[in-house]
Amino acid sequence: MAEDKNQTHYFLDGNPEELERLQLGQEIISDCFGKLVLAPVDMENPGLRVLDSATADGSWLRDLCECSPSSSRDAQTYIGTDITSIYFPKAGIPGVQLYEQSITKAWPSEWNCTFDLVHQRMALAAAGKDDVREALQRLIGLVKPGGWIQLVEPDHSASATPAMQDFFKLLSDVFAFMGTSTGYATQLQKWLAEEGLESVEERVFDVPLGKSSRNDALSKKSARMIELVMKGLVEVSRTIPTLLSATELDTLIQRAQEELAQTGDIFRLHCVWGRKPSND
C-alpha cells in the first residue's frame, strides 16, 4: 500500500495486474520466511486478536487463518485494513473482517490496546517522511500490553544487477516525488526500541529472484512479480521527474527479465518485531 501526496488512493491502483502481483508476493515472501509470524505470539490463544495493516487483498491473513489451529480459530479475531477496498475479495475471507483505514489517520478508539499482534508489511512509505514515526506510534498504540508488533520493510539498495539497481533509482524518484522515502527498513529495530518496546529482534531475508530461486516455479513467479511492479512504476514515472533516461525506462523490464533469467538477484526484507511492556 502507498498513497500519493494527497493520500487519496492506492499507489498502483491503475495497474490491472496488481492483484496478481500481490498474490505472487505473498507466496514468494512466505516461502522465504518459512512462517508468517516470527514474533513469539501464542497462536492457539482462543481470544487472539490480530490486525494486518495494509492488508491489500488479505492474502497474509487468509494464509494465517488457514494455518491457525482450528480448535481455537472460531473464537479468534482477524482484522485487515487498507486505505482502499479495491483489492478486498468480493466474497470476503472466512473468519476475517476487512475495513478501509489509512495509516496516516487515527484508528478506531475502541481498537487501542486490544491486539495481541499488529502486522504490517511494506507500507511505512505511505506515511511520508514527516508522518512515519507518528504512523508507527499509532500502530504501537493498537497493541495490548504484552502483545507484539511485527513490521516488514524492503531495502532495495541491496540489489546487485544493473537493471534492478535502475529499478531502485526509479523507485527512489517516485517516492521522493510523493514526499516519502525508501530507507525505513534499516531503522525499524532502532525505532521500536526508542518507542519503548521490549525483546526487539530483527531478521534480514534476501528473497531470491529469478535464477537465484530454489526451483523453476519460484524463479518464474518471482520474475513475473518484478515484471508487474516495474510495469506499474514505469507508467507512473512517465509523469514525474526521474534520473533515468527514456531509453532506460523503455528497456527496464526487458533488461531486468534477462538479468533475472541469467544471474538472478535478491529482494532484501527486514522483519522486525517487539513486545509492548505489560502492566504487571
C-alpha atoms as a PDB file:
ATOM      1  CA  MET A   1       0.000   0.000   0.000  1.00  0.00           C
ATOM      2  CA  ALA A   2       1.142   3.502  -0.690  1.00  0.00           C
ATOM      3  CA  GLU A   3      -0.539   6.844  -1.022  1.00  0.00           C
ATOM      4  CA  ASP A   4       0.051   9.873  -3.188  1.00  0.00           C
ATOM      5  CA  LYS A   5       0.752  13.334  -1.788  1.00  0.00           C
ATOM      6  CA  ASN A   6      -2.927  13.825  -1.098  1.00  0.00           C
ATOM      7  CA  GLN A   7      -3.273  10.321   0.370  1.00  0.00           C
ATOM      8  CA  THR A   8      -6.346   9.583  -1.691  1.00  0.00           C
ATOM      9  CA  HIS A   9      -5.711   6.239  -3.385  1.00  0.00           C
ATOM     10  CA  TYR A  10      -3.689   3.057  -3.599  1.00  0.00           C
ATOM     11  CA  PHE A  11      -0.325   3.744  -5.210  1.00  0.00           C
ATOM     12  CA  LEU A  12      -0.632   1.263  -8.114  1.00  0.00           C
ATOM     13  CA  ASP A  13      -4.406   1.184  -8.411  1.00  0.00           C
ATOM     14  CA  GLY A  14      -4.092   1.962 -12.107  1.00  0.00           C
ATOM     15  CA  ASN A  15      -2.318  -1.355 -12.749  1.00  0.00           C
ATOM     16  CA  PRO A  16      -4.892  -4.019 -13.683  1.00  0.00           C
ATOM     17  CA  GLU A  17      -2.415  -6.788 -12.835  1.00  0.00           C
ATOM     18  CA  GLU A  18      -1.727  -5.527  -9.309  1.00  0.00           C
ATOM     19  CA  LEU A  19      -3.821  -8.281  -7.732  1.00  0.00           C
ATOM     20  CA  GLU A  20      -1.647 -10.913  -9.402  1.00  0.00           C
ATOM     21  CA  ARG A  21       1.471  -9.172  -8.123  1.00  0.00           C
ATOM     22  CA  LEU A  22       0.132  -9.092  -4.572  1.00  0.00           C
ATOM     23  CA  GLN A  23      -0.625 -12.806  -4.611  1.00  0.00           C
ATOM     24  CA  LEU A  24       2.752 -13.679  -6.106  1.00  0.00           C
ATOM     25  CA  GLY A  25       4.476 -11.544  -3.486  1.00  0.00           C
ATOM     26  CA  GLN A  26       2.678 -13.318  -0.659  1.00  0.00           C
ATOM     27  CA  GLU A  27       3.682 -16.744  -1.979  1.00  0.00           C
ATOM     28  CA  ILE A  28       7.312 -15.841  -2.641  1.00  0.00           C
ATOM     29  CA  ILE A  29       7.888 -13.986   0.626  1.00  0.00           C
ATOM     30  CA  SER A  30       6.166 -16.678   2.690  1.00  0.00           C
ATOM     31  CA  ASP A  31       8.347 -19.336   1.086  1.00  0.00           C
ATOM     32  CA  CYS A  32      11.485 -17.390   2.021  1.00  0.00           C
ATOM     33  CA  PHE A  33      10.401 -16.515   5.565  1.00  0.00           C
ATOM     34  CA  GLY A  34       9.249 -20.039   6.334  1.00  0.00           C
ATOM     35  CA  LYS A  35       6.400 -18.811   8.509  1.00  0.00           C
ATOM     36  CA  LEU A  36       4.052 -15.859   8.660  1.00  0.00           C
ATOM     37  CA  VAL A  37       4.622 -14.769  12.265  1.00  0.00           C
ATOM     38  CA  LEU A  38       8.171 -14.602  13.585  1.00  0.00           C
ATOM     39  CA  ALA A  39       7.196 -12.845  16.809  1.00  0.00           C
ATOM     40  CA  PRO A  40       6.582 -15.351  19.624  1.00  0.00           C
ATOM     41  CA  VAL A  41       2.802 -14.971  19.635  1.00  0.00           C
ATOM     42  CA  ASP A  42       0.620 -17.711  21.109  1.00  0.00           C
ATOM     43  CA  MET A  43      -1.417 -18.526  18.018  1.00  0.00           C
ATOM     44  CA  GLU A  44      -3.533 -21.039  19.977  1.00  0.00           C
ATOM     45  CA  ASN A  45      -4.861 -18.369  22.332  1.00  0.00           C
ATOM     46  CA  PRO A  46      -8.687 -18.596  21.990  1.00  0.00           C
ATOM     47  CA  GLY A  47      -9.001 -14.838  22.495  1.00  0.00           C
ATOM     48  CA  LEU A  48      -6.301 -13.968  19.985  1.00  0.00           C
ATOM     49  CA  ARG A  49      -6.771 -10.653  18.133  1.00  0.00           C
ATOM     50  CA  VAL A  50      -4.667  -9.991  15.019  1.00  0.00           C
ATOM     51  CA  LEU A  51      -4.542  -6.850  12.873  1.00  0.00           C
ATOM     52  CA  ASP A  52      -2.969  -6.820   9.423  1.00  0.00           C
ATOM     53  CA  SER A  53      -2.481  -3.185   8.410  1.00  0.00           C
ATOM     54  CA  ALA A  54      -2.077  -2.520   4.656  1.00  0.00           C
ATOM     55  CA  THR A  55      -3.667  -5.897   4.013  1.00  0.00           C
ATOM     56  CA  ALA A  56      -4.324  -5.247   0.279  1.00  0.00           C
ATOM     57  CA  ASP A  57      -6.126  -8.430  -0.853  1.00  0.00           C
ATOM     58  CA  GLY A  58      -5.910 -10.012   2.609  1.00  0.00           C
ATOM     59  CA  SER A  59      -3.698 -12.884   1.439  1.00  0.00           C
ATOM     60  CA  TRP A  60      -1.440 -12.755   4.526  1.00  0.00           C
ATOM     61  CA  LEU A  61      -4.459 -13.017   6.825  1.00  0.00           C
ATOM     62  CA  ARG A  62      -6.034 -15.722   4.685  1.00  0.00           C
ATOM     63  CA  ASP A  63      -2.894 -17.826   4.951  1.00  0.00           C
ATOM     64  CA  LEU A  64      -2.617 -17.133   8.674  1.00  0.00           C
ATOM     65  CA  CYS A  65      -6.178 -18.306   9.288  1.00  0.00           C
ATOM     66  CA  GLU A  66      -5.589 -21.454   7.271  1.00  0.00           C
ATOM     67  CA  CYS A  67      -2.562 -22.445   9.351  1.00  0.00           C
ATOM     68  CA  SER A  68      -4.009 -21.475  12.733  1.00  0.00           C
ATOM     69  CA  PRO A  69      -5.315 -24.291  14.981  1.00  0.00           C
ATOM     70  CA  SER A  70      -8.931 -24.956  14.009  1.00  0.00           C
ATOM     71  CA  SER A  71      -9.860 -25.696  17.621  1.00  0.00           C
ATOM     72  CA  SER A  72      -9.408 -22.046  18.643  1.00  0.00           C
ATOM     73  CA  ARG A  73      -9.928 -20.180  15.350  1.00  0.00           C
ATOM     74  CA  ASP A  74     -13.665 -19.588  15.762  1.00  0.00           C
ATOM     75  CA  ALA A  75     -13.112 -17.547  18.922  1.00  0.00           C
ATOM     76  CA  GLN A  76     -10.219 -15.552  17.482  1.00  0.00           C
ATOM     77  CA  THR A  77     -10.436 -12.193  15.701  1.00  0.00           C
ATOM     78  CA  TYR A  78      -8.627 -11.410  12.449  1.00  0.00           C
ATOM     79  CA  ILE A  79      -8.895  -7.883  11.039  1.00  0.00           C
ATOM     80  CA  GLY A  80      -7.393  -6.484   7.844  1.00  0.00           C
ATOM     81  CA  THR A  81      -7.264  -2.814   6.900  1.00  0.00           C
ATOM     82  CA  ASP A  82      -6.160  -0.805   3.880  1.00  0.00           C
ATOM     83  CA  ILE A  83      -6.622   2.708   2.552  1.00  0.00           C
ATOM     84  CA  THR A  84      -8.892   1.317  -0.170  1.00  0.00           C
ATOM     85  CA  SER A  85     -11.136  -1.701  -0.525  1.00  0.00           C
ATOM     86  CA  ILE A  86     -10.480  -2.163  -4.257  1.00  0.00           C
ATOM     87  CA  TYR A  87      -8.487  -5.358  -3.657  1.00  0.00           C
ATOM     88  CA  PHE A  88     -10.652  -6.809  -0.900  1.00  0.00           C
ATOM     89  CA  PRO A  89     -12.044 -10.156  -2.150  1.00  0.00           C
ATOM     90  CA  LYS A  90     -15.664  -9.650  -3.212  1.00  0.00           C
ATOM     91  CA  ALA A  91     -16.653 -12.880  -1.486  1.00  0.00           C
ATOM     92  CA  GLY A  92     -14.719 -11.931   1.642  1.00  0.00           C
ATOM     93  CA  ILE A  93     -12.346 -14.194   3.566  1.00  0.00           C
ATOM     94  CA  PRO A  94     -13.815 -16.674   6.063  1.00  0.00           C
ATOM     95  CA  GLY A  95     -13.088 -15.543   9.609  1.00  0.00           C
ATOM     96  CA  VAL A  96     -11.587 -12.200   8.513  1.00  0.00           C
ATOM     97  CA  GLN A  97     -13.034  -8.700   8.884  1.00  0.00           C
ATOM     98  CA  LEU A  98     -11.878  -6.111   6.327  1.00  0.00           C
ATOM     99  CA  TYR A  99     -12.091  -2.336   6.753  1.00  0.00           C
ATOM    100  CA  GLU A 100     -10.861   0.791   4.990  1.00  0.00           C
ATOM    101  CA  GLN A 101      -8.301   2.621   7.130  1.00  0.00           C
ATOM    102  CA  SER A 102      -5.311   4.837   6.343  1.00  0.00           C
ATOM    103  CA  ILE A 103      -2.173   4.509   8.459  1.00  0.00           C
ATOM    104  CA  THR A 104      -1.960   8.313   8.472  1.00  0.00           C
ATOM    105  CA  LYS A 105      -5.318   8.680  10.236  1.00  0.00           C
ATOM    106  CA  ALA A 106      -6.497   7.954  13.771  1.00  0.00           C
ATOM    107  CA  TRP A 107      -7.570   4.356  14.345  1.00  0.00           C
ATOM    108  CA  PRO A 108     -10.915   3.486  15.942  1.00  0.00           C
ATOM    109  CA  SER A 109     -10.519   4.314  19.624  1.00  0.00           C
ATOM    110  CA  GLU A 110     -12.058   1.008  20.662  1.00  0.00           C
ATOM    111  CA  TRP A 111      -9.164  -0.810  18.968  1.00  0.00           C
ATOM    112  CA  ASN A 112      -6.488   0.825  21.115  1.00  0.00           C
ATOM    113  CA  CYS A 113      -4.510  -1.616  23.282  1.00  0.00           C
ATOM    114  CA  THR A 114      -6.576  -4.628  22.116  1.00  0.00           C
ATOM    115  CA  PHE A 115      -4.440  -6.613  19.667  1.00  0.00           C
ATOM    116  CA  ASP A 116      -2.115  -9.499  20.504  1.00  0.00           C
ATOM    117  CA  LEU A 117      -0.385  -8.969  17.166  1.00  0.00           C
ATOM    118  CA  VAL A 118      -0.237  -5.986  14.830  1.00  0.00           C
ATOM    119  CA  HIS A 119       1.372  -6.828  11.484  1.00  0.00           C
ATOM    120  CA  GLN A 120       2.298  -4.564   8.599  1.00  0.00           C
ATOM    121  CA  ARG A 121       4.378  -5.289   5.511  1.00  0.00           C
ATOM    122  CA  MET A 122       5.903  -2.784   3.084  1.00  0.00           C
ATOM    123  CA  ALA A 123       3.651   0.158   3.890  1.00  0.00           C
ATOM    124  CA  LEU A 124       5.513   2.705   6.024  1.00  0.00           C
ATOM    125  CA  ALA A 125       6.427   4.702   2.927  1.00  0.00           C
ATOM    126  CA  ALA A 126       2.730   5.542   2.634  1.00  0.00           C
ATOM    127  CA  ALA A 127       3.033   7.717   5.728  1.00  0.00           C
ATOM    128  CA  GLY A 128       5.540  10.125   4.185  1.00  0.00           C
ATOM    129  CA  LYS A 129       8.782  11.408   5.685  1.00  0.00           C
ATOM    130  CA  ASP A 130       7.080  13.710   8.165  1.00  0.00           C
ATOM    131  CA  ASP A 131       4.469  11.265   9.457  1.00  0.00           C
ATOM    132  CA  VAL A 132       6.232   7.902   9.509  1.00  0.00           C
ATOM    133  CA  ARG A 133       7.073   7.923  13.218  1.00  0.00           C
ATOM    134  CA  GLU A 134       3.562   9.101  14.080  1.00  0.00           C
ATOM    135  CA  ALA A 135       2.116   6.292  11.966  1.00  0.00           C
ATOM    136  CA  LEU A 136       4.368   3.830  13.776  1.00  0.00           C
ATOM    137  CA  GLN A 137       3.295   5.185  17.165  1.00  0.00           C
ATOM    138  CA  ARG A 138      -0.362   4.802  16.216  1.00  0.00           C
ATOM    139  CA  LEU A 139       0.260   1.182  15.246  1.00  0.00           C
ATOM    140  CA  ILE A 140       2.016   0.505  18.539  1.00  0.00           C
ATOM    141  CA  GLY A 141      -0.942   2.093  20.317  1.00  0.00           C
ATOM    142  CA  LEU A 142      -3.140  -0.711  18.966  1.00  0.00           C
ATOM    143  CA  VAL A 143      -1.029  -3.407  20.642  1.00  0.00           C
ATOM    144  CA  LYS A 144      -2.235  -4.642  24.015  1.00  0.00           C
ATOM    145  CA  PRO A 145       0.223  -4.743  26.937  1.00  0.00           C
ATOM    146  CA  GLY A 146       2.276  -7.897  26.460  1.00  0.00           C
ATOM    147  CA  GLY A 147       1.310  -8.046  22.771  1.00  0.00           C
ATOM    148  CA  TRP A 148       3.554  -7.853  19.725  1.00  0.00           C
ATOM    149  CA  ILE A 149       4.062  -5.768  16.611  1.00  0.00           C
ATOM    150  CA  GLN A 150       5.783  -7.219  13.529  1.00  0.00           C
ATOM    151  CA  LEU A 151       6.914  -4.984  10.660  1.00  0.00           C
ATOM    152  CA  VAL A 152       8.468  -5.871   7.317  1.00  0.00           C
ATOM    153  CA  GLU A 153      10.114  -3.278   5.081  1.00  0.00           C
ATOM    154  CA  PRO A 154      12.330  -3.597   1.972  1.00  0.00           C
ATOM    155  CA  ASP A 155      15.915  -2.491   1.443  1.00  0.00           C
ATOM    156  CA  HIS A 156      16.022  -2.011  -2.310  1.00  0.00           C
ATOM    157  CA  SER A 157      19.634  -0.817  -2.250  1.00  0.00           C
ATOM    158  CA  ALA A 158      20.773  -4.436  -1.753  1.00  0.00           C
ATOM    159  CA  SER A 159      20.020  -5.355  -5.385  1.00  0.00           C
ATOM    160  CA  ALA A 160      23.140  -6.263  -7.368  1.00  0.00           C
ATOM    161  CA  THR A 161      22.254  -6.395 -11.067  1.00  0.00           C
ATOM    162  CA  PRO A 162      22.260  -3.210 -13.190  1.00  0.00           C
ATOM    163  CA  ALA A 163      18.567  -3.306 -14.114  1.00  0.00           C
ATOM    164  CA  MET A 164      17.476  -3.913 -10.529  1.00  0.00           C
ATOM    165  CA  GLN A 165      19.700  -1.019  -9.451  1.00  0.00           C
ATOM    166  CA  ASP A 166      17.927   1.145 -12.033  1.00  0.00           C
ATOM    167  CA  PHE A 167      14.652  -0.065 -10.570  1.00  0.00           C
ATOM    168  CA  PHE A 168      15.795   1.154  -7.157  1.00  0.00           C
ATOM    169  CA  LYS A 169      16.708   4.544  -8.640  1.00  0.00           C
ATOM    170  CA  LEU A 170      13.286   4.754 -10.252  1.00  0.00           C
ATOM    171  CA  LEU A 171      11.542   3.750  -7.047  1.00  0.00           C
ATOM    172  CA  SER A 172      13.504   6.378  -5.131  1.00  0.00           C
ATOM    173  CA  ASP A 173      12.497   9.043  -7.661  1.00  0.00           C
ATOM    174  CA  VAL A 174       8.822   8.088  -7.423  1.00  0.00           C
ATOM    175  CA  PHE A 175       8.875   8.039  -3.631  1.00  0.00           C
ATOM    176  CA  ALA A 176      10.732  11.359  -3.497  1.00  0.00           C
ATOM    177  CA  PHE A 177       8.057  12.907  -5.686  1.00  0.00           C
ATOM    178  CA  MET A 178       5.459  11.586  -3.244  1.00  0.00           C
ATOM    179  CA  GLY A 179       7.389  13.175  -0.373  1.00  0.00           C
ATOM    180  CA  THR A 180       8.445   9.896   1.188  1.00  0.00           C
ATOM    181  CA  SER A 181      11.486   7.587   1.333  1.00  0.00           C
ATOM    182  CA  THR A 182      12.674   4.059   0.589  1.00  0.00           C
ATOM    183  CA  GLY A 183      15.041   3.924   3.562  1.00  0.00           C
ATOM    184  CA  TYR A 184      12.934   2.813   6.534  1.00  0.00           C
ATOM    185  CA  ALA A 185      13.953  -0.849   6.682  1.00  0.00           C
ATOM    186  CA  THR A 186      17.285  -0.388   8.445  1.00  0.00           C
ATOM    187  CA  GLN A 187      15.775   1.937  11.058  1.00  0.00           C
ATOM    188  CA  LEU A 188      12.923  -0.285  12.269  1.00  0.00           C
ATOM    189  CA  GLN A 189      14.806  -2.053  15.038  1.00  0.00           C
ATOM    190  CA  LYS A 190      16.057   1.218  16.492  1.00  0.00           C
ATOM    191  CA  TRP A 191      12.663   2.862  16.217  1.00  0.00           C
ATOM    192  CA  LEU A 192      10.831   0.078  18.043  1.00  0.00           C
ATOM    193  CA  ALA A 193      13.366   0.219  20.865  1.00  0.00           C
ATOM    194  CA  GLU A 194      13.059   4.008  21.053  1.00  0.00           C
ATOM    195  CA  GLU A 195       9.276   3.633  21.334  1.00  0.00           C
ATOM    196  CA  GLY A 196       9.794   1.569  24.492  1.00  0.00           C
ATOM    197  CA  LEU A 197       9.165  -1.916  23.125  1.00  0.00           C
ATOM    198  CA  GLU A 198      10.886  -4.888  24.723  1.00  0.00           C
ATOM    199  CA  SER A 199      12.508  -8.003  23.250  1.00  0.00           C
ATOM    200  CA  VAL A 200      13.024  -6.239  19.916  1.00  0.00           C
ATOM    201  CA  GLU A 201      14.528  -8.570  17.324  1.00  0.00           C
ATOM    202  CA  GLU A 202      15.332  -8.401  13.633  1.00  0.00           C
ATOM    203  CA  ARG A 203      15.886 -10.904  10.857  1.00  0.00           C
ATOM    204  CA  VAL A 204      17.049  -9.912   7.397  1.00  0.00           C
ATOM    205  CA  PHE A 205      15.848 -12.044   4.496  1.00  0.00           C
ATOM    206  CA  ASP A 206      17.287 -11.987   0.992  1.00  0.00           C
ATOM    207  CA  VAL A 207      14.315 -13.163  -1.041  1.00  0.00           C
ATOM    208  CA  PRO A 208      15.668 -14.965  -4.139  1.00  0.00           C
ATOM    209  CA  LEU A 209      14.584 -13.668  -7.532  1.00  0.00           C
ATOM    210  CA  GLY A 210      14.796 -15.394 -10.898  1.00  0.00           C
ATOM    211  CA  LYS A 211      17.660 -17.844 -11.264  1.00  0.00           C
ATOM    212  CA  SER A 212      18.555 -17.402  -7.578  1.00  0.00           C
ATOM    213  CA  SER A 213      15.288 -19.098  -6.582  1.00  0.00           C
ATOM    214  CA  ARG A 214      15.308 -22.638  -5.223  1.00  0.00           C
ATOM    215  CA  ASN A 215      13.245 -24.074  -8.085  1.00  0.00           C
ATOM    216  CA  ASP A 216      11.998 -23.223 -11.569  1.00  0.00           C
ATOM    217  CA  ALA A 217       8.459 -22.472 -10.429  1.00  0.00           C
ATOM    218  CA  LEU A 218       9.578 -19.830  -7.933  1.00  0.00           C
ATOM    219  CA  SER A 219      12.073 -18.492 -10.478  1.00  0.00           C
ATOM    220  CA  LYS A 220       9.277 -17.820 -12.971  1.00  0.00           C
ATOM    221  CA  LYS A 221       6.896 -16.449 -10.336  1.00  0.00           C
ATOM    222  CA  SER A 222       9.468 -14.063  -8.854  1.00  0.00           C
ATOM    223  CA  ALA A 223      10.465 -12.788 -12.298  1.00  0.00           C
ATOM    224  CA  ARG A 224       6.795 -12.226 -13.099  1.00  0.00           C
ATOM    225  CA  MET A 225       6.315 -10.356  -9.816  1.00  0.00           C
ATOM    226  CA  ILE A 226       9.182  -7.994 -10.650  1.00  0.00           C
ATOM    227  CA  GLU A 227       7.816  -7.511 -14.171  1.00  0.00           C
ATOM    228  CA  LEU A 228       4.443  -6.464 -12.787  1.00  0.00           C
ATOM    229  CA  VAL A 229       5.742  -3.991 -10.232  1.00  0.00           C
ATOM    230  CA  MET A 230       8.074  -2.480 -12.822  1.00  0.00           C
ATOM    231  CA  LYS A 231       5.212  -2.054 -15.298  1.00  0.00           C
ATOM    232  CA  GLY A 232       3.289  -0.035 -12.745  1.00  0.00           C
ATOM    233  CA  LEU A 233       6.279   2.082 -11.756  1.00  0.00           C
ATOM    234  CA  VAL A 234       7.339   2.799 -15.331  1.00  0.00           C
ATOM    235  CA  GLU A 235       3.863   4.099 -16.129  1.00  0.00           C
ATOM    236  CA  VAL A 236       3.888   6.308 -13.026  1.00  0.00           C
ATOM    237  CA  SER A 237       7.404   7.571 -13.796  1.00  0.00           C
ATOM    238  CA  ARG A 238       6.398   8.965 -17.182  1.00  0.00           C
ATOM    239  CA  THR A 239       4.519  11.755 -15.404  1.00  0.00           C
ATOM    240  CA  ILE A 240       7.211  12.745 -12.861  1.00  0.00           C
ATOM    241  CA  PRO A 241      10.881  13.806 -12.874  1.00  0.00           C
ATOM    242  CA  THR A 242      13.303  10.862 -12.881  1.00  0.00           C
ATOM    243  CA  LEU A 243      17.047  10.407 -13.286  1.00  0.00           C
ATOM    244  CA  LEU A 244      16.522   7.528 -15.711  1.00  0.00           C
ATOM    245  CA  SER A 245      16.561   8.332 -19.415  1.00  0.00           C
ATOM    246  CA  ALA A 246      13.666   7.497 -21.713  1.00  0.00           C
ATOM    247  CA  THR A 247      15.709   4.638 -23.163  1.00  0.00           C
ATOM    248  CA  GLU A 248      16.495   3.254 -19.717  1.00  0.00           C
ATOM    249  CA  LEU A 249      12.805   3.382 -18.826  1.00  0.00           C
ATOM    250  CA  ASP A 250      11.723   1.778 -22.093  1.00  0.00           C
ATOM    251  CA  THR A 251      14.182  -1.122 -21.698  1.00  0.00           C
ATOM    252  CA  LEU A 252      13.989  -1.566 -17.914  1.00  0.00           C
ATOM    253  CA  ILE A 253      11.609  -4.527 -17.846  1.00  0.00           C
ATOM    254  CA  GLN A 254      13.373  -6.390 -20.639  1.00  0.00           C
ATOM    255  CA  ARG A 255      16.795  -5.818 -19.094  1.00  0.00           C
ATOM    256  CA  ALA A 256      15.566  -6.964 -15.679  1.00  0.00           C
ATOM    257  CA  GLN A 257      13.987 -10.118 -17.086  1.00  0.00           C
ATOM    258  CA  GLU A 258      17.180 -11.015 -18.928  1.00  0.00           C
ATOM    259  CA  GLU A 259      19.314 -10.472 -15.832  1.00  0.00           C
ATOM    260  CA  LEU A 260      16.964 -12.445 -13.590  1.00  0.00           C
ATOM    261  CA  ALA A 261      16.992 -15.338 -16.064  1.00  0.00           C
ATOM    262  CA  GLN A 262      20.781 -15.305 -16.448  1.00  0.00           C
ATOM    263  CA  THR A 263      22.101 -14.495 -12.970  1.00  0.00           C
ATOM    264  CA  GLY A 264      19.175 -13.884 -10.606  1.00  0.00           C
ATOM    265  CA  ASP A 265      19.145 -11.320  -7.807  1.00  0.00           C
ATOM    266  CA  ILE A 266      17.656 -10.768  -4.350  1.00  0.00           C
ATOM    267  CA  PHE A 267      14.963  -8.641  -2.743  1.00  0.00           C
ATOM    268  CA  ARG A 268      16.077  -7.785   0.800  1.00  0.00           C
ATOM    269  CA  LEU A 269      13.454  -7.554   3.528  1.00  0.00           C
ATOM    270  CA  HIS A 270      13.931  -6.562   7.169  1.00  0.00           C
ATOM    271  CA  CYS A 271      11.495  -8.261   9.532  1.00  0.00           C
ATOM    272  CA  VAL A 272      11.445  -6.643  12.982  1.00  0.00           C
ATOM    273  CA  TRP A 273       9.253  -7.424  15.961  1.00  0.00           C
ATOM    274  CA  GLY A 274       8.895  -6.156  19.510  1.00  0.00           C
ATOM    275  CA  ARG A 275       6.755  -6.647  22.605  1.00  0.00           C
ATOM    276  CA  LYS A 276       4.754  -3.919  24.301  1.00  0.00           C
ATOM    277  CA  PRO A 277       5.577  -3.855  28.036  1.00  0.00           C
ATOM    278  CA  SER A 278       2.918  -5.480  30.164  1.00  0.00           C
ATOM    279  CA  ASN A 279       1.186  -3.698  33.021  1.00  0.00           C
ATOM    280  CA  ASP A 280       2.477  -6.197  35.567  1.00  0.00           C
END
